[in-house]
Every structure is written in C-alpha cells, then in structure tokens.
Amino acid sequence: MRTYDLVADLPLRIDGYDLDGLVQNVSSDFERKSTIIRLGGGGEEGLGEDVTYEPVDHEIAQAAGPVVELAGDWTMRSFSNALAGLELFTEPPQRDVSRLYRVWAYESAALDLALRQAGEPLHAVLGREPQPLTFVVSLRLGEPPSLEPVTRRLERYPALRFKLDPTASWDDELIADLVATGAVDSVDFKGLYEGTAVDAPADPALYERVVAAFPDAWIEDPKLTPEVDALLLAHRGRITWDANIHSIDDIEALPFAPRMVNLKPSRLGGIKPLFDAYDYTAARSIGAYGGGQFELGVGREQIQYLASIFHPGTPNDTSPTGFHVMDPPPGLASSPLPPTPAATGFRWG
C-alpha cells in the first residue's frame, strides 16, 4: 500500500477557516512573513503554514481573509482534488512556486484537522514510530562574510552542526577557520536559484576550494556548467539537490542518479506528492532529508514531525525556530531532538 493511501480516505469536516499572520527578522537578514491557516470543524482546529516568500503575497491574503469556499464534508483525497481546482490567490503571486507553498499550507491544515477529528496522531495512522531527529542549522555568513555567526552559536551549543552557503567572498582564511570548527555537514552553493536574493553564479574557483576543504560535506545545488561538472565528477556521490525538486519527475530528470535529495514538504506542494516522493526514494535507496523555509510557526513543527518519521538520521534542515534569529537564546533543544508528537493530529509537541 502506498503511504498516501493510509491517509487519503480519512473523513474531514470543515465548517470554516481563518488566517493569522506571523513576522520575524531571521538570520539571513530579512523580515520573514508567513500565514497560519486555521481550519475549523467538528469542534477541532487544524493548522498549516503558508511559507510563500514574498511579503506582499501574505499581506494580500491576510487583508482579504477567508475568500475560498471550503466548508463541507470531505475525505483528504476529495479535499485535495477540490483544492487543485480552486484559485487560492486573489491576485497572481509574485512567483509561480508560491502556489505549491499555499496548497501545502491548506493540505497540511486539513490533514491536521482530519487526524484530530479521528482522534489519532499521524505516525499511528502511518504505522511508523517517530525517532530522535538530527538537524543542522542553515546559515549565510553575511557580506563581508564572518565566522562570528557560527562561533556565536557554537559557544552556546558546542555540538551544533551547520549547512552553510558559500559565496565568492569566502577567502582561504575563513574557509580554514570553518574547517577548524569541524561542524560543517553541508555546503549549499545555491546554484539553481534565479531572480532571487540568494542567486549564486557558478564560480569554479570557489567550488574547488570549498569542495576540497570539506571532503565529507554534502554538496547541495551546484550549478553544473561544463567546467563545474568536470570539477565535481569525482564527488558525485555527495552531491544532493534541493531547489529543483518539486516532484518525482524532477528527481528522474536529474543529470545522474542521486544518493540524496532534499524533500521539502512545502516545495512538493501537497500530501500526496510528498508521500509519493517518500515512497519513490525509499524504493530506490535514495536518501532523503527535510528542508525548512524559515517557517515561523506550526509549519516548522510539522516538517520536524515528518523528518522524525521518514528520515530522522540525515542532515535535516529542520532546526528549532529559535536558531533562526540573529542571536539565538540559550536553552534551545539540541540535536537529536527527542520525538514529541502530539496525542492527535499533525502536530509536534
């Protein structure tokens, strides 16, 4: 049985819904906005989080309020099918990928509500036991880059592991200092982004220095120009993909069979495509880890829950939200996170 079939026929009653806005200045030096979807029905409430990046898309949605007719009796399958035919943006989004993020928000809220109405937690319905969850903290080091964001966190959390975004301004001294920490699990070259604030052109010299300096780190999203591809040929076993993974078709379209991929739930855009991707990678012995999108609320808990069920021991970019701020406070949970599923629903803790 496919994993999705275990939840597809869960009954779901929706009476109405509300939207709440969240905002926070995060460690990549921008103001993050997100929208919490609150689906109500049968005396229960289901939550999801829209992680669309452009603030204006959240502002428009929150100002408009509930404008889509969702009330009724559904199953998860019929709700998903109906949602696919609805326009969830009152104005066209700034980026097409935001449609996937918003669908994920509504479907994750619906799954939470259906499970709470059924009186079951997600892992019990899936027949899987949550495991301690390893995580890394994803960081950019600023411009000009500085070791300080890493050392500040290591002073409070000596066992912390990192996923870092190399940039052309990384010099040999900074790279050597990062190597000395022994705390870098992944390097994300951001080579597949276009038209964003984090776009990074292929710089063969940077690739060569970083890949040699971190021989055991995962190499995420390299831009495989002919020169870079030749440079990384011997390192294909540690290349992993993120920004281009929206579906199983995208995994099959990769230039070579991967050992590992980043399955971001919001980027897959729904419960079925996500669960199908879990099944697909498991059947082909492709490793997976979870990726975050600077979720500010329940969305972070949900990706932690999923990671604890499907890929708990990989370098999950699912750190507690307290690590997102410029100066993380003391007392945050360390990796591995103990399993803390709620008694019912799609909730963590």
Protein backbone atom coordinates (compact mmCIF):
# COMPACT_ATOMS: atom_id res chain seq x y z
CA MET A 1 0.00 0.00 0.00
CA ARG A 2 1.25 3.48 -0.86
CA THR A 3 1.85 5.74 2.11
CA TYR A 4 -0.69 8.24 0.82
CA ASP A 5 -3.43 5.60 0.82
CA LEU A 6 -3.13 5.39 4.60
CA VAL A 7 -4.45 8.96 4.98
CA ALA A 8 -6.36 9.55 1.73
CA ASP A 9 -9.72 8.33 2.99
CA LEU A 10 -9.67 10.00 6.39
CA PRO A 11 -13.01 11.80 6.87
CA LEU A 12 -12.74 15.58 7.12
CA ARG A 13 -15.39 18.08 8.23
CA ILE A 14 -14.70 21.78 7.62
CA ASP A 15 -17.03 24.46 8.98
CA GLY A 16 -14.84 27.45 8.14
CA TYR A 17 -11.36 28.88 8.39
CA ASP A 18 -9.28 31.89 9.45
CA LEU A 19 -5.87 33.33 8.61
CA ASP A 20 -3.25 34.67 11.04
CA GLY A 21 -0.05 36.49 10.14
CA LEU A 22 3.40 35.91 11.63
CA VAL A 23 6.54 38.02 11.18
CA GLN A 24 10.14 37.73 12.40
CA ASN A 25 13.59 39.03 11.49
CA VAL A 26 15.64 35.93 10.69
CA SER A 27 19.31 35.01 10.48
CA SER A 28 19.60 35.56 6.72
CA ASP A 29 18.97 39.23 7.45
CA PHE A 30 15.45 39.65 6.14
CA GLU A 31 11.99 40.08 7.59
CA ARG A 32 10.13 36.79 7.21
CA LYS A 33 6.35 36.79 6.94
CA SER A 34 4.13 33.73 6.89
CA THR A 35 0.43 32.96 7.21
CA ILE A 36 -1.17 30.39 9.51
CA ILE A 37 -4.21 28.60 8.06
CA ARG A 38 -6.76 27.64 10.73
CA LEU A 39 -9.38 25.15 9.52
CA GLY A 40 -12.21 24.56 11.98
CA GLY A 41 -14.73 21.74 12.07
CA GLY A 42 -16.41 19.35 14.46
CA GLY A 43 -15.08 21.21 17.49
CA GLU A 44 -11.47 20.78 16.36
CA GLU A 45 -8.95 23.01 14.62
CA GLY A 46 -6.33 22.06 12.03
CA LEU A 47 -3.26 24.22 11.39
CA GLY A 48 -0.97 24.73 8.41
CA GLU A 49 1.56 27.41 7.45
CA ASP A 50 1.93 29.22 4.13
CA VAL A 51 5.66 29.84 3.58
CA THR A 52 5.39 31.94 0.42
CA TYR A 53 8.47 34.19 0.47
CA GLU A 54 7.20 37.49 -0.94
CA PRO A 55 5.70 39.60 1.88
CA VAL A 56 3.12 41.21 -0.40
CA ASP A 57 1.51 37.84 -1.10
CA HIS A 58 0.91 37.37 2.62
CA GLU A 59 -0.33 40.92 3.05
CA ILE A 60 -2.89 40.48 0.27
CA ALA A 61 -4.11 37.13 1.63
CA GLN A 62 -4.41 38.36 5.21
CA ALA A 63 -6.23 41.52 4.17
CA ALA A 64 -8.69 39.53 2.04
CA GLY A 65 -9.33 36.93 4.74
CA PRO A 66 -11.24 33.68 4.02
CA VAL A 67 -12.39 34.00 0.40
CA VAL A 68 -12.42 30.35 -0.73
CA GLU A 69 -15.37 28.10 0.00
CA LEU A 70 -14.00 25.10 1.89
CA ALA A 71 -16.92 24.17 4.15
CA GLY A 72 -18.32 20.69 3.78
CA ASP A 73 -17.74 17.02 4.34
CA TRP A 74 -14.69 15.61 2.59
CA THR A 75 -12.04 12.96 2.68
CA MET A 76 -8.41 14.00 2.44
CA ARG A 77 -8.43 12.75 -1.15
CA SER A 78 -11.56 14.62 -2.21
CA PHE A 79 -10.43 17.78 -0.43
CA SER A 80 -7.09 17.68 -2.23
CA ASN A 81 -8.80 17.12 -5.57
CA ALA A 82 -11.16 20.04 -4.95
CA LEU A 83 -8.34 22.30 -3.77
CA ALA A 84 -6.50 21.69 -7.05
CA GLY A 85 -9.35 23.39 -8.88
CA LEU A 86 -9.51 26.47 -6.65
CA GLU A 87 -7.68 29.77 -7.04
CA LEU A 88 -6.02 30.37 -3.68
CA PHE A 89 -4.58 33.78 -4.67
CA THR A 90 -6.87 36.77 -5.12
CA GLU A 91 -4.04 38.36 -7.12
CA PRO A 92 -1.39 36.44 -9.09
CA PRO A 93 1.54 35.50 -6.83
CA GLN A 94 4.95 37.05 -7.33
CA ARG A 95 6.37 33.60 -8.10
CA ASP A 96 4.67 30.52 -9.52
CA VAL A 97 6.24 28.24 -6.89
CA SER A 98 4.18 30.08 -4.26
CA ARG A 99 1.14 28.18 -5.48
CA LEU A 100 2.75 24.96 -4.25
CA TYR A 101 3.55 26.55 -0.89
CA ARG A 102 -0.04 27.67 -0.42
CA VAL A 103 -1.50 24.30 -1.40
CA TRP A 104 0.80 22.68 1.16
CA ALA A 105 -0.47 25.08 3.83
CA TYR A 106 -4.11 24.18 3.24
CA GLU A 107 -3.48 20.45 2.85
CA SER A 108 -1.32 20.22 5.97
CA ALA A 109 -4.04 22.06 7.91
CA ALA A 110 -6.62 19.65 6.51
CA LEU A 111 -4.53 16.63 7.49
CA ASP A 112 -4.10 18.03 10.99
CA LEU A 113 -7.86 18.59 11.28
CA ALA A 114 -8.80 15.17 9.89
CA LEU A 115 -6.43 13.42 12.30
CA ARG A 116 -7.69 15.42 15.26
CA GLN A 117 -11.27 14.62 14.32
CA ALA A 118 -10.29 10.95 14.10
CA GLY A 119 -8.51 11.13 17.47
CA GLU A 120 -5.25 9.82 16.00
CA PRO A 121 -1.70 11.17 15.58
CA LEU A 122 -0.10 10.99 12.14
CA HIS A 123 2.52 8.39 12.99
CA ALA A 124 -0.07 5.94 14.32
CA VAL A 125 -2.12 6.15 11.11
CA LEU A 126 1.05 5.62 9.06
CA GLY A 127 2.20 2.72 11.25
CA ARG A 128 5.58 4.37 11.89
CA GLU A 129 7.29 5.32 15.12
CA PRO A 130 8.94 8.76 15.37
CA GLN A 131 12.67 8.62 16.03
CA PRO A 132 15.15 11.13 17.52
CA LEU A 133 15.67 13.80 14.88
CA THR A 134 19.09 15.05 13.82
CA PHE A 135 19.25 18.57 12.42
CA VAL A 136 21.63 21.16 11.04
CA VAL A 137 21.36 24.93 11.22
CA SER A 138 21.28 26.66 7.84
CA LEU A 139 23.23 29.92 7.67
CA ARG A 140 24.62 32.57 5.38
CA LEU A 141 27.69 34.31 6.77
CA GLY A 142 26.92 37.85 5.60
CA GLU A 143 28.76 40.27 3.35
CA PRO A 144 31.56 40.63 4.03
CA PRO A 145 31.40 37.10 5.42
CA SER A 146 32.25 36.47 9.04
CA LEU A 147 32.90 33.40 11.16
CA GLU A 148 31.01 35.06 14.01
CA PRO A 149 27.51 33.64 13.27
CA VAL A 150 28.99 30.15 13.57
CA THR A 151 31.19 30.74 16.62
CA ARG A 152 28.42 32.62 18.47
CA ARG A 153 26.18 29.59 18.14
CA LEU A 154 28.91 27.09 18.97
CA GLU A 155 29.71 28.94 22.19
CA ARG A 156 26.21 28.15 23.44
CA TYR A 157 25.69 24.88 21.55
CA PRO A 158 29.09 23.15 21.08
CA ALA A 159 27.60 20.08 19.34
CA LEU A 160 25.71 22.10 16.71
CA ARG A 161 26.09 21.16 13.04
CA PHE A 162 25.73 23.54 10.08
CA LYS A 163 24.62 23.82 6.49
CA LEU A 164 26.39 26.87 5.07
CA ASP A 165 26.01 28.88 1.85
CA PRO A 166 29.45 29.56 0.32
CA THR A 167 29.82 32.82 -1.60
CA ALA A 168 32.54 34.22 -3.84
CA SER A 169 33.72 36.40 -0.94
CA TRP A 170 34.76 33.41 1.17
CA ASP A 171 38.56 33.66 1.40
CA ASP A 172 41.06 30.96 2.35
CA GLU A 173 41.30 32.20 5.94
CA LEU A 174 37.55 31.96 6.50
CA ILE A 175 37.40 28.52 4.92
CA ALA A 176 40.26 27.33 7.14
CA ASP A 177 38.52 28.70 10.23
CA LEU A 178 35.30 26.92 9.27
CA VAL A 179 37.17 23.67 8.72
CA ALA A 180 38.70 24.04 12.19
CA THR A 181 35.25 24.06 13.79
CA GLY A 182 34.59 20.54 12.48
CA ALA A 183 30.91 21.50 12.43
CA VAL A 184 30.05 21.80 8.72
CA ASP A 185 27.86 18.97 7.38
CA SER A 186 26.63 20.58 4.14
CA VAL A 187 27.60 23.35 1.74
CA ASP A 188 24.78 24.83 -0.33
CA PHE A 189 26.03 26.57 -3.48
CA LYS A 190 22.56 27.94 -4.33
CA GLY A 191 23.43 27.35 -7.97
CA LEU A 192 19.88 26.68 -9.16
CA TYR A 193 18.15 29.86 -7.98
CA GLU A 194 17.25 32.55 -10.49
CA GLY A 195 15.88 36.00 -9.80
CA THR A 196 16.22 35.76 -6.01
CA ALA A 197 18.34 37.49 -3.38
CA VAL A 198 20.44 34.34 -2.96
CA ASP A 199 21.33 33.68 -6.62
CA ALA A 200 24.92 32.44 -6.91
CA PRO A 201 26.70 32.16 -10.27
CA ALA A 202 28.97 29.20 -10.89
CA ASP A 203 32.45 30.09 -9.67
CA PRO A 204 34.78 27.14 -10.39
CA ALA A 205 37.50 28.54 -8.15
CA LEU A 206 35.11 28.77 -5.19
CA TYR A 207 33.75 25.28 -5.85
CA GLU A 208 37.24 23.83 -6.00
CA ARG A 209 38.37 25.45 -2.74
CA VAL A 210 35.24 24.59 -0.78
CA VAL A 211 34.81 21.04 -2.04
CA ALA A 212 38.44 20.25 -1.24
CA ALA A 213 38.26 21.88 2.20
CA PHE A 214 35.16 19.90 3.27
CA PRO A 215 35.74 16.41 1.86
CA ASP A 216 32.94 14.84 3.91
CA ALA A 217 30.26 17.51 3.45
CA TRP A 218 27.20 17.21 1.27
CA ILE A 219 27.34 19.44 -1.80
CA GLU A 220 23.90 20.92 -2.40
CA ASP A 221 22.66 22.51 -5.63
CA PRO A 222 25.84 23.02 -7.62
CA LYS A 223 25.41 24.81 -10.95
CA LEU A 224 26.74 22.17 -13.32
CA THR A 225 28.35 24.20 -16.03
CA PRO A 226 30.74 22.04 -18.10
CA GLU A 227 33.69 23.29 -16.05
CA VAL A 228 32.00 22.73 -12.69
CA ASP A 229 30.66 19.32 -13.78
CA ALA A 230 34.17 18.18 -14.66
CA LEU A 231 35.47 19.54 -11.36
CA LEU A 232 32.81 17.66 -9.36
CA LEU A 233 32.85 14.42 -11.31
CA ALA A 234 34.76 12.60 -8.56
CA HIS A 235 32.38 13.98 -5.93
CA ARG A 236 29.02 12.98 -7.40
CA GLY A 237 28.38 10.64 -4.52
CA ARG A 238 27.94 13.60 -2.18
CA ILE A 239 26.02 15.92 -4.49
CA THR A 240 22.45 16.50 -3.38
CA TRP A 241 19.60 18.53 -4.82
CA ASP A 242 17.04 20.92 -3.37
CA ALA A 243 15.75 23.92 -5.32
CA ASN A 244 14.82 21.92 -8.41
CA ILE A 245 12.93 19.16 -6.56
CA HIS A 246 9.17 19.79 -6.84
CA SER A 247 8.11 16.28 -7.92
CA ILE A 248 9.22 12.74 -8.65
CA ASP A 249 9.64 13.82 -12.28
CA ASP A 250 12.27 16.32 -11.13
CA ILE A 251 14.22 13.56 -9.37
CA GLU A 252 14.10 11.42 -12.52
CA ALA A 253 15.28 14.39 -14.60
CA LEU A 254 18.48 14.91 -12.59
CA PRO A 255 21.69 14.66 -14.62
CA PHE A 256 22.71 11.50 -12.75
CA ALA A 257 21.16 9.22 -10.16
CA PRO A 258 21.44 10.90 -6.74
CA ARG A 259 22.43 9.36 -3.44
CA MET A 260 20.47 12.02 -1.56
CA VAL A 261 17.78 14.65 -2.20
CA ASN A 262 16.15 17.36 -0.11
CA LEU A 263 12.40 16.74 0.06
CA LYS A 264 10.89 20.00 1.26
CA PRO A 265 7.23 19.32 2.05
CA SER A 266 6.09 22.81 1.03
CA ARG A 267 8.01 22.61 -2.24
CA LEU A 268 6.35 19.31 -3.14
CA GLY A 269 3.05 21.13 -2.77
CA GLY A 270 0.71 18.61 -1.17
CA ILE A 271 0.38 15.49 0.96
CA LYS A 272 0.13 13.06 -1.95
CA PRO A 273 3.17 14.29 -3.93
CA LEU A 274 5.21 14.36 -0.73
CA PHE A 275 4.24 10.88 0.42
CA ASP A 276 4.71 9.52 -3.11
CA ALA A 277 8.21 11.04 -3.14
CA TYR A 278 8.98 9.33 0.17
CA ASP A 279 7.88 6.00 -1.33
CA TYR A 280 9.81 6.62 -4.55
CA THR A 281 13.11 7.44 -2.86
CA ALA A 282 12.82 4.59 -0.36
CA ALA A 283 12.15 2.07 -3.13
CA ARG A 284 15.28 3.20 -4.98
CA SER A 285 17.52 3.54 -1.91
CA ILE A 286 17.84 7.28 -2.44
CA GLY A 287 18.49 9.07 0.82
CA ALA A 288 16.32 12.00 1.83
CA TYR A 289 16.45 14.82 4.30
CA GLY A 290 13.97 17.55 5.15
CA GLY A 291 14.35 21.20 4.32
CA GLY A 292 12.93 24.24 6.02
CA GLN A 293 11.76 27.53 4.57
CA PHE A 294 12.10 29.75 7.63
CA GLU A 295 8.75 28.61 8.97
CA LEU A 296 7.72 30.73 11.94
CA GLY A 297 5.00 28.58 13.46
CA VAL A 298 3.37 25.18 13.16
CA GLY A 299 4.94 24.58 9.75
CA ARG A 300 8.32 24.04 11.41
CA GLU A 301 6.88 21.54 13.85
CA GLN A 302 5.22 19.64 11.01
CA ILE A 303 8.42 19.25 8.99
CA GLN A 304 10.20 18.09 12.14
CA TYR A 305 7.44 15.52 12.69
CA LEU A 306 7.72 14.26 9.11
CA ALA A 307 11.51 14.06 9.29
CA SER A 308 11.33 12.08 12.54
CA ILE A 309 9.12 9.53 10.77
CA PHE A 310 10.73 9.26 7.34
CA HIS A 311 14.41 10.29 7.59
CA PRO A 312 15.40 11.01 11.20
CA GLY A 313 19.14 10.39 10.93
CA THR A 314 20.02 12.56 7.92
CA PRO A 315 21.21 16.22 7.92
CA ASN A 316 17.73 17.69 8.23
CA ASP A 317 17.47 21.45 7.80
CA THR A 318 14.76 21.47 10.46
CA SER A 319 16.36 23.18 13.45
CA PRO A 320 14.09 24.72 16.11
CA THR A 321 12.94 28.21 15.11
CA GLY A 322 14.98 29.76 17.91
CA PHE A 323 18.08 29.20 15.78
CA HIS A 324 16.63 31.45 13.04
CA VAL A 325 17.22 34.72 14.84
CA MET A 326 20.46 36.69 14.64
CA ASP A 327 21.39 35.85 18.25
CA PRO A 328 19.83 32.52 19.30
CA PRO A 329 18.95 32.45 23.01
CA PRO A 330 20.25 29.85 25.45
CA GLY A 331 18.11 26.86 26.31
CA LEU A 332 17.18 25.69 22.81
CA ALA A 333 16.84 21.97 22.17
CA SER A 334 19.93 20.27 20.77
CA SER A 335 20.25 17.63 18.08
CA PRO A 336 18.96 14.99 18.10
CA LEU A 337 15.52 16.26 19.04
CA PRO A 338 13.53 13.76 21.11
CA PRO A 339 10.25 12.68 19.48
CA THR A 340 7.40 14.84 20.79
CA PRO A 341 4.31 14.08 18.67
CA ALA A 342 1.03 15.40 19.99
CA ALA A 343 -1.61 12.91 21.09
CA THR A 344 -3.69 13.68 18.00
CA GLY A 345 -3.23 15.45 14.70
CA PHE A 346 -0.29 16.57 12.60
CA ARG A 347 1.45 18.33 15.49
CA TRP A 348 4.89 18.11 17.08
CA GLY A 349 4.94 18.90 20.76
